Amino acid sequence: MIRAMDLYPAIDLRGGQCVRLYQGDFAQETVYGDDPVAQALLFADAGSPWIHVVDLDAARTGEPVNRPVIAAIAAAVGIPVQTGGGVRTDEAADALFEAGVGRVVVGTAALDDPAWARSLAARYPGKVALGLDVRGREVAVRGWVEGSGRQLADVAAEFDDAGFAALIVTQINVDGAGTGPDIDLYMELLASVETEVIASGGVGGAQDLRVLASFEAEGMPLLGAIVGKALYDGALTIDEALAAAQAE
C-alpha cells in the first residue's frame, strides 16, 4: 500500500510574529508576518494535513510567551498542530495539550533526562515526537548553540524503543538555505531505526519534496517533511508543496 508523505508547513514564532532564522541564528531573522493564525489558516485551507509550530522564545528561554498564539492556531485550523520549543517539563507539555495541540516535540530535555522523555511518550502514546537537530551528524542542543558530542545514529538507537511518534531530524547545515535536504542523512537513519522519521531543513522547491516522497518506493517511507522558508519566499506555493509531497 502506498502511504503518502505528510507535509508540515512551518510557522516559527518569536514575539507573536511569524519569523524564520537562517541556520538557527537569532541574529539572522526575517519577519514574515504578524498574524500567525491567518498564516496557519492559509495552510489548512489549502489542504495541509498538519501545521508545525516552533516557539523560538520558549526554545531559547523556556518561557512560553507564545502559548496563547499556539492555542489560537490550534483552535482555528481544524487540523492537528505539532509544536515544540522549550518543552522541558510535564507541565509545559500538559499545557500545550490542554491548548489543543495534537503532538508535542521534545528536544534538548530528552538528552538531558532520557527517563523523563520516555515517561512523557508513555503518558501520551503517539503524541510526542523527539526533535534531533544535527550539524553534520552531531546532535546539537540548546537551540543549536551547543554540540552534544553525540552522534545522531547513537541517540536515535537509544530512543528507538521509547514509543515516540516520530524523530524530527533537522540538518542545520542546510536549514533555511534552500539548497536541498541532506538525503544521505535520512537514508542512513531510515535504514537503522523503526521509529517514524520526519525530515526538516533544506527544502528549496517541489523537486526536493518529490525526492523525499520517493523514499516510499524504496521501502523506507518518511512520515513527513517540514517546509518553511521556501513557502514564505515564494520558491514554492502551498499547493505545489502538497502536490509534490503526494508524488509517487
Protein backbone atom coordinates (compact mmCIF):
# COMPACT_ATOMS: atom_id res chain seq x y z
CA MET A 1 0.00 0.00 0.00
CA ILE A 2 1.31 3.43 -0.96
CA ARG A 3 1.49 5.76 2.03
CA ALA A 4 1.78 9.41 1.11
CA MET A 5 4.30 11.58 2.93
CA ASP A 6 2.66 14.28 5.04
CA LEU A 7 3.58 17.91 4.52
CA TYR A 8 4.23 20.00 7.64
CA PRO A 9 4.25 23.70 6.74
CA ALA A 10 6.17 25.51 9.45
CA ILE A 11 5.32 28.56 11.50
CA ASP A 12 8.18 29.79 13.68
CA LEU A 13 7.03 32.15 16.41
CA ARG A 14 9.03 34.90 18.05
CA GLY A 15 7.29 37.65 19.95
CA GLY A 16 3.99 36.54 18.46
CA GLN A 17 5.20 37.04 14.88
CA CYS A 18 5.94 34.60 12.06
CA VAL A 19 9.71 34.59 11.54
CA ARG A 20 12.45 32.45 10.04
CA LEU A 21 16.00 32.16 11.30
CA TYR A 22 18.89 31.33 9.00
CA GLN A 23 20.51 28.14 10.33
CA GLY A 24 19.06 28.85 13.77
CA ASP A 25 20.86 32.19 14.16
CA PHE A 26 18.71 34.67 16.09
CA ALA A 27 20.83 37.48 14.60
CA GLN A 28 19.69 36.41 11.12
CA GLU A 29 15.94 36.71 11.49
CA THR A 30 13.38 37.55 8.82
CA VAL A 31 9.88 38.57 9.89
CA TYR A 32 7.20 37.25 7.52
CA GLY A 33 4.02 38.41 9.24
CA ASP A 34 2.31 39.47 12.42
CA ASP A 35 -0.73 37.18 12.11
CA PRO A 36 0.30 33.55 12.65
CA VAL A 37 -3.32 32.40 12.88
CA ALA A 38 -4.11 33.78 9.42
CA GLN A 39 -0.98 32.09 8.07
CA ALA A 40 -1.97 28.78 9.62
CA LEU A 41 -5.46 29.06 8.12
CA LEU A 42 -3.97 29.58 4.66
CA PHE A 43 -2.05 26.32 5.03
CA ALA A 44 -5.04 24.45 6.46
CA ASP A 45 -7.48 25.74 3.85
CA ALA A 46 -5.11 24.56 1.10
CA GLY A 47 -5.36 21.02 2.45
CA SER A 48 -2.32 20.68 4.70
CA PRO A 49 -2.66 17.64 6.98
CA TRP A 50 -0.62 19.28 9.76
CA ILE A 51 0.79 22.61 10.92
CA HIS A 52 4.27 22.60 12.51
CA VAL A 53 4.77 25.40 15.05
CA VAL A 54 8.04 26.26 16.79
CA ASP A 55 8.11 28.58 19.81
CA LEU A 56 11.53 30.15 19.37
CA ASP A 57 11.22 32.26 22.51
CA ALA A 58 10.49 29.20 24.64
CA ALA A 59 13.30 27.27 22.94
CA ARG A 60 15.71 29.99 23.96
CA THR A 61 14.45 30.91 27.44
CA GLY A 62 11.94 28.25 28.47
CA GLU A 63 9.29 30.97 28.88
CA PRO A 64 6.11 30.02 26.94
CA VAL A 65 5.32 33.58 25.79
CA ASN A 66 3.76 32.34 22.53
CA ARG A 67 1.46 29.74 24.10
CA PRO A 68 -1.69 31.89 23.62
CA VAL A 69 -0.83 32.20 19.91
CA ILE A 70 -0.33 28.43 19.65
CA ALA A 71 -3.70 27.87 21.34
CA ALA A 72 -5.33 30.29 18.90
CA ILE A 73 -3.79 28.45 15.93
CA ALA A 74 -4.94 25.07 17.26
CA ALA A 75 -8.48 26.41 17.82
CA ALA A 76 -8.69 27.94 14.34
CA VAL A 77 -7.32 25.37 11.91
CA GLY A 78 -9.27 22.14 12.42
CA ILE A 79 -6.18 20.02 11.65
CA PRO A 80 -3.57 18.75 14.11
CA VAL A 81 -0.82 21.09 15.24
CA GLN A 82 2.65 19.76 16.04
CA THR A 83 4.62 22.09 18.26
CA GLY A 84 7.98 22.28 20.01
CA GLY A 85 10.36 24.71 21.58
CA GLY A 86 11.18 24.78 25.27
CA VAL A 87 9.20 21.68 26.25
CA ARG A 88 11.27 20.64 29.26
CA THR A 89 8.71 19.61 31.90
CA ASP A 90 5.47 17.67 32.26
CA GLU A 91 3.76 20.97 32.99
CA ALA A 92 4.90 22.51 29.69
CA ALA A 93 3.73 19.50 27.71
CA ASP A 94 0.42 19.27 29.59
CA ALA A 95 -0.28 22.96 28.95
CA LEU A 96 0.28 22.55 25.22
CA PHE A 97 -2.02 19.54 25.02
CA GLU A 98 -4.62 21.46 27.03
CA ALA A 99 -4.22 24.29 24.49
CA GLY A 100 -5.32 21.88 21.76
CA VAL A 101 -2.00 20.78 20.29
CA GLY A 102 -2.02 17.36 18.61
CA ARG A 103 1.66 16.47 19.02
CA VAL A 104 4.41 17.91 21.20
CA VAL A 105 8.09 17.87 20.28
CA VAL A 106 10.84 17.49 22.90
CA GLY A 107 14.47 18.15 22.11
CA THR A 108 17.33 19.12 24.41
CA ALA A 109 15.43 17.97 27.51
CA ALA A 110 15.33 14.40 26.18
CA LEU A 111 19.12 14.26 26.00
CA ASP A 112 19.43 15.84 29.43
CA ASP A 113 16.88 13.50 31.01
CA PRO A 114 16.08 10.45 28.84
CA ALA A 115 13.93 8.85 31.54
CA TRP A 116 11.66 11.91 31.64
CA ALA A 117 11.28 11.95 27.85
CA ARG A 118 10.37 8.26 27.85
CA SER A 119 7.81 8.80 30.59
CA LEU A 120 6.21 11.64 28.63
CA ALA A 121 5.99 9.48 25.50
CA ALA A 122 4.38 6.74 27.60
CA ARG A 123 1.83 9.16 29.10
CA TYR A 124 0.83 10.47 25.67
CA PRO A 125 1.10 7.50 23.27
CA GLY A 126 1.57 8.59 19.67
CA LYS A 127 1.53 12.27 20.63
CA VAL A 128 5.17 13.02 21.50
CA ALA A 129 7.94 13.41 18.92
CA LEU A 130 11.68 13.68 19.51
CA GLY A 131 13.39 16.58 17.77
CA LEU A 132 17.02 15.91 16.87
CA ASP A 133 18.89 18.80 15.27
CA VAL A 134 22.22 17.86 13.77
CA ARG A 135 25.24 19.67 12.43
CA GLY A 136 26.72 17.08 10.12
CA ARG A 137 25.93 14.02 12.23
CA GLU A 138 26.46 15.53 15.69
CA VAL A 139 23.30 16.30 17.65
CA ALA A 140 23.13 19.96 18.68
CA VAL A 141 21.33 21.17 21.80
CA ARG A 142 20.02 24.35 23.44
CA GLY A 143 18.64 26.00 20.34
CA TRP A 144 21.51 24.73 18.15
CA VAL A 145 24.02 26.74 20.16
CA GLU A 146 25.96 23.81 21.61
CA GLY A 147 27.14 20.47 20.30
CA SER A 148 26.18 17.48 22.44
CA GLY A 149 29.24 15.43 21.50
CA ARG A 150 26.85 12.63 20.49
CA GLN A 151 26.20 11.17 17.07
CA LEU A 152 22.71 11.01 15.59
CA ALA A 153 22.88 7.25 14.99
CA ASP A 154 23.63 6.59 18.67
CA VAL A 155 20.94 8.91 20.02
CA ALA A 156 18.33 7.57 17.60
CA ALA A 157 19.19 3.99 18.56
CA GLU A 158 18.93 4.84 22.27
CA PHE A 159 15.39 6.17 21.85
CA ASP A 160 14.15 3.77 19.17
CA ASP A 161 12.13 1.74 21.67
CA ALA A 162 10.79 4.74 23.59
CA GLY A 163 7.49 4.96 21.74
CA PHE A 164 7.95 8.37 20.14
CA ALA A 165 5.51 9.20 17.34
CA ALA A 166 8.45 10.32 15.19
CA LEU A 167 12.02 11.51 15.11
CA ILE A 168 12.06 15.02 13.63
CA VAL A 169 15.56 15.41 12.22
CA THR A 170 16.82 18.80 11.08
CA GLN A 171 20.12 19.22 9.25
CA ILE A 172 21.29 22.62 10.49
CA ASN A 173 23.87 22.97 7.73
CA VAL A 174 21.14 23.33 5.10
CA ASP A 175 18.31 24.82 7.18
CA GLY A 176 16.94 27.95 5.60
CA ALA A 177 19.38 27.67 2.69
CA GLY A 178 17.04 26.08 0.15
CA THR A 179 19.89 24.02 -1.25
CA GLY A 180 18.14 20.69 -0.82
CA PRO A 181 17.75 18.26 2.09
CA ASP A 182 20.54 16.02 3.34
CA ILE A 183 19.26 12.93 1.53
CA ASP A 184 22.04 10.65 2.79
CA LEU A 185 21.22 11.56 6.39
CA TYR A 186 17.64 10.34 6.09
CA MET A 187 18.54 7.21 4.13
CA GLU A 188 21.06 6.26 6.83
CA LEU A 189 18.55 6.87 9.60
CA LEU A 190 15.62 5.07 7.98
CA ALA A 191 17.82 2.02 7.45
CA SER A 192 18.70 1.86 11.13
CA VAL A 193 15.58 2.72 13.19
CA GLU A 194 12.00 1.52 13.48
CA THR A 195 10.64 4.88 14.64
CA GLU A 196 9.00 7.07 12.00
CA VAL A 197 11.13 9.95 10.65
CA ILE A 198 10.15 13.49 9.65
CA ALA A 199 12.69 15.39 7.54
CA SER A 200 13.42 19.06 8.16
CA GLY A 201 15.79 21.54 6.58
CA GLY A 202 16.90 22.46 3.09
CA VAL A 203 13.74 22.11 1.02
CA GLY A 204 14.01 24.76 -1.68
CA GLY A 205 11.45 23.60 -4.22
CA ALA A 206 8.98 20.98 -5.34
CA GLN A 207 11.65 18.61 -6.62
CA ASP A 208 13.19 18.36 -3.15
CA LEU A 209 9.85 17.19 -1.78
CA ARG A 210 9.41 14.72 -4.64
CA VAL A 211 12.78 13.18 -3.79
CA LEU A 212 11.83 12.82 -0.13
CA ALA A 213 8.44 11.35 -1.09
CA SER A 214 10.20 8.82 -3.35
CA PHE A 215 11.72 7.10 -0.31
CA GLU A 216 8.41 5.23 -0.09
CA ALA A 217 9.22 3.42 -3.32
CA GLU A 218 12.49 2.26 -1.73
CA GLY A 219 10.51 0.68 1.10
CA MET A 220 11.71 3.30 3.61
CA PRO A 221 8.95 5.92 3.70
CA LEU A 222 9.32 9.20 5.54
CA LEU A 223 6.38 10.09 7.76
CA GLY A 224 6.63 13.69 6.65
CA ALA A 225 8.66 16.70 5.62
CA ILE A 226 8.72 20.15 7.22
CA VAL A 227 8.86 23.16 4.88
CA GLY A 228 9.28 26.74 5.96
CA LYS A 229 11.35 29.35 4.17
CA ALA A 230 10.58 28.15 0.63
CA LEU A 231 6.88 28.77 1.28
CA TYR A 232 7.46 32.26 2.64
CA ASP A 233 9.95 33.33 -0.02
CA GLY A 234 7.66 32.20 -2.83
CA ALA A 235 10.00 29.49 -4.15
CA LEU A 236 7.12 27.08 -3.54
CA THR A 237 3.38 27.59 -3.16
CA ILE A 238 1.49 25.57 -0.60
CA ASP A 239 -0.44 23.88 -3.42
CA GLU A 240 2.79 22.90 -5.19
CA ALA A 241 4.26 21.63 -1.94
CA LEU A 242 1.22 19.49 -1.14
CA ALA A 243 1.20 18.00 -4.65
CA ALA A 244 4.93 17.24 -4.52
CA ALA A 245 4.66 15.54 -1.12
CA GLN A 246 1.99 13.21 -2.54
CA ALA A 247 4.06 12.31 -5.62
CA GLU A 248 4.68 8.59 -6.05
